[in-house]
Amino acid sequence: MANFLTSSFLDFGKTLAICRLSAEWPCKVADSSASSVIAHAIAAEGRIISEDEMRISKEQTRKNQEQMIKAAADLFREHGFEGIGLVDLMKSAGFTHGGFYNHFDSKDELIGEATKSAFRQLEDFRAGKDIHAVLTNYLSSAHRASRRRGCPASALSGDSARQPDRIKRIFADGIEGMIQEYINLLGEASRTKAQRDLAINMLATTVGALVLSRAAPSQDGLSQEILDVNLRACLKKVADMKAPSVAGRSTGKKRRAPAVSRVLSRKAEA
């Protein structure tokens, strides 16, 4: 009986190792205890796991995890954090539900990683664009229709408000990143309190406008009007900020002529 159990266990370990090494089953290979069992099982059959095989297995595990996070980032933005379950999420990523806990301890952990990924995608998309292009793209009908690949702040702020603080902190880091991005896009060398205030105001304006626009039917004139009105307002703020100062030009006071001009004027009168 003992020999039978030992043989069955070794066969199971060998099969598990082959599945992991061939990347047909998305699971963690970093589990030292499991790796030890697998190594003993294969050694009993006269086979040793090479370093290349272990490296390939770990690399495939990393790729599988990234694929799950990317799919989650898309689906959470489209359906909300609670709008899709793990079964459908894993299916969309191309894996079975059983493999989820080999990569993540909980759905909350996946939500956190997917949120980070979504904010990184937004940053990458905006790279190299100026403030005019960023604002025009953000407050567009195309972005309104592309919730799945759009800004996580406009797609998931309401969901984040119902999450535990550890998720809110990740979301807050993403929002802070957007604020810093607007500060940089505004193009001022100094980092003043007024400039940060303007960046926060512009972020809140654009995110709020997109949320309200999506709340109305896309074919409704109101939806587009909300985008257009706020885009014009944001572009005006940018233009006003970049315009040269006109302080003192319209005070109504007559400016005194330079001293040299006054002297020449008196000589002419004489």
Protein backbone atom coordinates (compact mmCIF):
# COMPACT_ATOMS: atom_id res chain seq x y z
CA MET A 1 0.00 0.00 0.00
CA ALA A 2 2.81 2.37 0.94
CA ASN A 3 4.62 1.65 -2.34
CA PHE A 4 1.41 2.33 -4.26
CA LEU A 5 0.88 5.69 -2.57
CA THR A 6 4.51 6.66 -3.13
CA SER A 7 4.32 5.72 -6.80
CA SER A 8 1.07 7.61 -7.29
CA PHE A 9 2.46 10.69 -5.57
CA LEU A 10 5.58 10.65 -7.74
CA ASP A 11 3.48 10.25 -10.88
CA PHE A 12 1.36 13.20 -9.81
CA GLY A 13 4.48 15.27 -9.12
CA LYS A 14 5.94 14.44 -12.50
CA THR A 15 2.73 15.34 -14.30
CA LEU A 16 2.46 18.59 -12.38
CA ALA A 17 6.05 19.48 -13.25
CA ILE A 18 5.52 18.79 -16.95
CA CYS A 19 2.38 20.93 -16.96
CA ARG A 20 4.18 23.79 -15.29
CA LEU A 21 7.26 23.59 -17.47
CA SER A 22 5.19 23.48 -20.65
CA ALA A 23 3.20 26.53 -19.42
CA GLU A 24 -0.09 24.80 -20.13
CA TRP A 25 -1.29 25.49 -16.61
CA PRO A 26 -0.85 29.08 -15.35
CA CYS A 27 0.47 28.73 -11.84
CA LYS A 28 3.33 29.94 -9.69
CA VAL A 29 6.58 28.02 -9.82
CA ALA A 30 8.09 30.09 -7.05
CA ASP A 31 6.54 27.86 -4.38
CA SER A 32 9.69 26.33 -2.86
CA SER A 33 7.89 23.40 -1.25
CA ALA A 34 6.10 22.46 -4.46
CA SER A 35 9.31 22.88 -6.45
CA SER A 36 11.09 20.56 -4.03
CA VAL A 37 8.44 17.87 -4.38
CA ILE A 38 8.55 18.17 -8.15
CA ALA A 39 12.34 18.01 -8.20
CA HIS A 40 12.32 14.81 -6.09
CA ALA A 41 9.62 13.30 -8.25
CA ILE A 42 11.51 13.93 -11.45
CA ALA A 43 14.80 12.85 -9.90
CA ALA A 44 13.18 9.55 -9.00
CA GLU A 45 12.47 9.05 -12.68
CA GLY A 46 16.06 9.89 -13.61
CA ARG A 47 15.24 13.41 -14.85
CA ILE A 48 16.64 16.70 -13.53
CA ILE A 49 15.12 20.11 -14.13
CA SER A 50 17.64 22.27 -15.94
CA GLU A 51 18.22 25.94 -15.13
CA ASP A 52 16.95 26.91 -18.58
CA GLU A 53 13.69 25.05 -18.00
CA MET A 54 13.20 26.74 -14.64
CA ARG A 55 13.96 30.14 -16.17
CA ILE A 56 11.53 29.56 -19.02
CA SER A 57 8.88 28.38 -16.57
CA LYS A 58 9.28 31.48 -14.38
CA GLU A 59 9.24 33.75 -17.42
CA GLN A 60 6.04 32.12 -18.67
CA THR A 61 4.49 32.50 -15.23
CA ARG A 62 5.32 36.22 -15.29
CA LYS A 63 3.81 36.61 -18.75
CA ASN A 64 0.65 34.77 -17.66
CA GLN A 65 0.28 37.09 -14.67
CA GLU A 66 0.77 40.19 -16.82
CA GLN A 67 -1.88 38.88 -19.22
CA MET A 68 -4.34 38.49 -16.34
CA ILE A 69 -3.61 42.00 -15.05
CA LYS A 70 -4.03 43.54 -18.50
CA ALA A 71 -7.36 41.77 -19.03
CA ALA A 72 -8.52 42.84 -15.57
CA ALA A 73 -7.54 46.47 -16.23
CA ASP A 74 -9.74 46.47 -19.35
CA LEU A 75 -12.68 44.61 -17.85
CA PHE A 76 -12.75 46.53 -14.57
CA ARG A 77 -12.90 49.82 -16.48
CA GLU A 78 -15.74 48.49 -18.59
CA HIS A 79 -17.80 46.74 -15.89
CA GLY A 80 -16.52 48.12 -12.57
CA PHE A 81 -14.67 46.26 -9.83
CA GLU A 82 -17.78 44.39 -8.72
CA GLY A 83 -19.33 44.10 -12.18
CA ILE A 84 -17.36 41.05 -13.25
CA GLY A 85 -16.44 37.86 -11.40
CA LEU A 86 -13.21 35.92 -11.37
CA VAL A 87 -14.56 33.14 -13.61
CA ASP A 88 -15.41 35.51 -16.48
CA LEU A 89 -12.28 37.55 -15.92
CA MET A 90 -9.98 34.52 -16.10
CA LYS A 91 -11.85 33.20 -19.13
CA SER A 92 -11.35 36.50 -20.92
CA ALA A 93 -7.62 36.34 -20.11
CA GLY A 94 -7.46 32.84 -21.59
CA PHE A 95 -7.08 30.86 -18.36
CA THR A 96 -9.17 28.68 -16.08
CA HIS A 97 -10.58 29.92 -12.78
CA GLY A 98 -8.51 27.35 -10.88
CA GLY A 99 -5.24 29.07 -11.77
CA PHE A 100 -6.16 32.43 -10.24
CA TYR A 101 -4.96 31.76 -6.70
CA ASN A 102 -1.62 30.55 -7.99
CA HIS A 103 -0.97 34.19 -8.96
CA PHE A 104 -2.97 36.33 -6.54
CA ASP A 105 -4.01 35.99 -2.92
CA SER A 106 -7.36 37.70 -3.47
CA LYS A 107 -9.44 39.68 -5.91
CA ASP A 108 -8.41 42.84 -4.03
CA GLU A 109 -4.78 42.16 -4.92
CA LEU A 110 -5.74 41.87 -8.60
CA ILE A 111 -7.79 45.08 -8.37
CA GLY A 112 -4.74 46.89 -7.02
CA GLU A 113 -2.44 45.60 -9.75
CA ALA A 114 -5.01 46.26 -12.48
CA THR A 115 -5.50 49.84 -11.23
CA LYS A 116 -1.76 50.50 -11.41
CA SER A 117 -1.67 49.04 -14.90
CA ALA A 118 -4.58 51.21 -16.09
CA PHE A 119 -2.91 54.42 -14.89
CA ARG A 120 0.37 53.36 -16.54
CA GLN A 121 -1.46 52.79 -19.81
CA LEU A 122 -2.88 56.31 -19.65
CA GLU A 123 0.56 57.77 -18.95
CA ASP A 124 2.09 55.85 -21.87
CA PHE A 125 -0.69 56.97 -24.22
CA ARG A 126 -0.14 60.64 -23.34
CA ALA A 127 3.64 60.51 -23.61
CA GLY A 128 4.95 63.11 -26.05
CA LYS A 129 1.64 64.96 -26.40
CA ASP A 130 1.17 68.64 -25.53
CA ILE A 131 -1.57 70.05 -23.30
CA HIS A 132 -3.83 70.90 -26.24
CA ALA A 133 -3.68 67.35 -27.62
CA VAL A 134 -4.23 65.80 -24.17
CA LEU A 135 -7.31 67.92 -23.44
CA THR A 136 -8.78 67.50 -26.93
CA ASN A 137 -8.36 63.72 -26.80
CA TYR A 138 -9.69 63.40 -23.26
CA LEU A 139 -12.88 65.39 -23.87
CA SER A 140 -13.75 63.66 -27.13
CA SER A 141 -16.59 61.43 -28.27
CA ALA A 142 -14.00 58.70 -29.00
CA HIS A 143 -12.84 58.66 -25.37
CA ARG A 144 -16.43 58.74 -24.18
CA ALA A 145 -17.10 55.55 -26.15
CA SER A 146 -13.84 53.85 -25.13
CA ARG A 147 -14.42 53.21 -21.45
CA ARG A 148 -12.63 49.86 -21.61
CA ARG A 149 -9.30 51.42 -22.65
CA GLY A 150 -9.84 54.94 -21.33
CA CYS A 151 -8.92 56.88 -18.23
CA PRO A 152 -9.33 54.86 -15.00
CA ALA A 153 -10.14 58.02 -13.02
CA SER A 154 -13.31 58.64 -15.01
CA ALA A 155 -14.20 54.95 -15.30
CA LEU A 156 -13.57 53.78 -11.72
CA SER A 157 -13.65 56.70 -9.28
CA GLY A 158 -17.09 55.69 -8.05
CA ASP A 159 -15.97 52.09 -7.60
CA SER A 160 -12.82 53.12 -5.76
CA ALA A 161 -14.91 55.09 -3.27
CA ARG A 162 -16.44 51.77 -2.12
CA GLN A 163 -13.11 49.94 -1.82
CA PRO A 164 -10.91 49.50 1.28
CA ASP A 165 -8.23 52.08 2.00
CA ARG A 166 -5.42 50.01 0.47
CA ILE A 167 -7.19 50.22 -2.91
CA LYS A 168 -8.02 53.90 -2.40
CA ARG A 169 -4.34 54.58 -1.75
CA ILE A 170 -3.35 53.00 -5.06
CA PHE A 171 -6.06 55.02 -6.78
CA ALA A 172 -4.90 58.20 -5.03
CA ASP A 173 -1.35 57.57 -6.29
CA GLY A 174 -2.74 57.36 -9.82
CA ILE A 175 -4.63 60.63 -9.39
CA GLU A 176 -1.51 62.33 -8.01
CA GLY A 177 0.37 61.14 -11.07
CA MET A 178 -2.23 62.79 -13.31
CA ILE A 179 -1.93 66.04 -11.34
CA GLN A 180 1.84 66.04 -11.80
CA GLU A 181 1.35 65.31 -15.49
CA TYR A 182 -0.90 68.35 -15.88
CA ILE A 183 1.61 70.51 -14.00
CA ASN A 184 4.33 69.41 -16.42
CA LEU A 185 2.09 69.95 -19.45
CA LEU A 186 1.29 73.48 -18.35
CA GLY A 187 4.93 74.20 -19.03
CA GLU A 188 5.93 76.43 -16.15
CA ALA A 189 9.44 76.07 -14.79
CA SER A 190 8.39 76.88 -11.22
CA ARG A 191 6.15 74.66 -9.14
CA THR A 192 3.87 77.12 -7.39
CA LYS A 193 0.79 76.47 -5.29
CA ALA A 194 -1.30 78.35 -7.88
CA GLN A 195 -0.04 76.05 -10.62
CA ARG A 196 -0.93 72.94 -8.64
CA ASP A 197 -4.37 74.41 -7.93
CA LEU A 198 -4.89 74.93 -11.66
CA ALA A 199 -3.78 71.36 -12.44
CA ILE A 200 -6.20 69.92 -9.86
CA ASN A 201 -9.00 72.12 -11.17
CA MET A 202 -8.31 71.04 -14.75
CA LEU A 203 -8.19 67.36 -13.78
CA ALA A 204 -11.47 67.57 -11.86
CA THR A 205 -13.09 69.47 -14.75
CA THR A 206 -12.09 66.94 -17.40
CA VAL A 207 -12.87 63.84 -15.34
CA GLY A 208 -16.21 65.22 -14.17
CA ALA A 209 -17.18 66.28 -17.68
CA LEU A 210 -16.44 62.83 -19.09
CA VAL A 211 -18.39 61.10 -16.31
CA LEU A 212 -21.45 63.31 -16.89
CA SER A 213 -21.17 62.91 -20.65
CA ARG A 214 -21.24 59.13 -20.32
CA ALA A 215 -24.24 59.34 -17.99
CA ALA A 216 -26.34 60.76 -20.85
CA PRO A 217 -27.17 58.84 -24.07
CA SER A 218 -24.27 59.22 -26.49
CA GLN A 219 -26.63 60.33 -29.27
CA ASP A 220 -28.12 62.98 -27.00
CA GLY A 221 -26.99 66.53 -27.74
CA LEU A 222 -26.42 67.13 -24.04
CA SER A 223 -23.69 64.50 -23.88
CA GLN A 224 -21.63 66.19 -26.58
CA GLU A 225 -22.43 69.65 -25.25
CA ILE A 226 -20.92 68.76 -21.88
CA LEU A 227 -17.68 67.72 -23.60
CA ASP A 228 -17.53 70.77 -25.87
CA VAL A 229 -18.27 73.36 -23.19
CA ASN A 230 -15.66 72.00 -20.79
CA LEU A 231 -13.05 71.58 -23.52
CA ARG A 232 -13.43 75.25 -24.45
CA ALA A 233 -13.20 76.23 -20.77
CA CYS A 234 -10.01 74.22 -20.24
CA LEU A 235 -8.35 75.52 -23.39
CA LYS A 236 -9.20 79.08 -22.32
CA LYS A 237 -7.53 78.49 -18.96
CA VAL A 238 -4.40 77.34 -20.76
CA ALA A 239 -4.45 80.34 -23.09
CA ASP A 240 -4.99 82.76 -20.20
CA MET A 241 -2.12 81.20 -18.27
CA LYS A 242 0.28 81.48 -21.20
CA ALA A 243 -0.79 85.02 -22.20
CA PRO A 244 1.66 87.80 -21.21
CA SER A 245 0.75 89.76 -18.11
CA VAL A 246 -1.30 92.86 -18.77
CA ALA A 247 -1.12 94.19 -15.24
CA GLY A 248 -1.12 97.95 -15.19
CA ARG A 249 -2.28 98.34 -18.80
CA SER A 250 -5.88 99.04 -17.99
CA THR A 251 -5.63 100.86 -14.66
CA GLY A 252 -6.81 104.11 -16.19
CA LYS A 253 -3.76 105.99 -14.91
CA LYS A 254 -1.67 108.04 -17.30
CA ARG A 255 1.91 106.80 -17.15
CA ARG A 256 4.64 109.37 -16.73
CA ALA A 257 6.96 109.81 -19.64
CA PRO A 258 10.59 108.79 -19.15
CA ALA A 259 12.80 111.48 -17.67
CA VAL A 260 14.79 111.99 -20.90
CA SER A 261 11.57 112.49 -22.88
CA ARG A 262 10.32 115.10 -20.41
CA VAL A 263 13.55 117.06 -20.68
CA LEU A 264 13.45 117.04 -24.49
CA SER A 265 9.80 118.10 -24.41
CA ARG A 266 10.56 121.12 -22.18
CA LYS A 267 13.43 122.18 -24.48
CA ALA A 268 11.17 122.02 -27.49
CA GLU A 269 8.58 124.19 -25.78
CA ALA A 270 11.26 126.75 -24.89
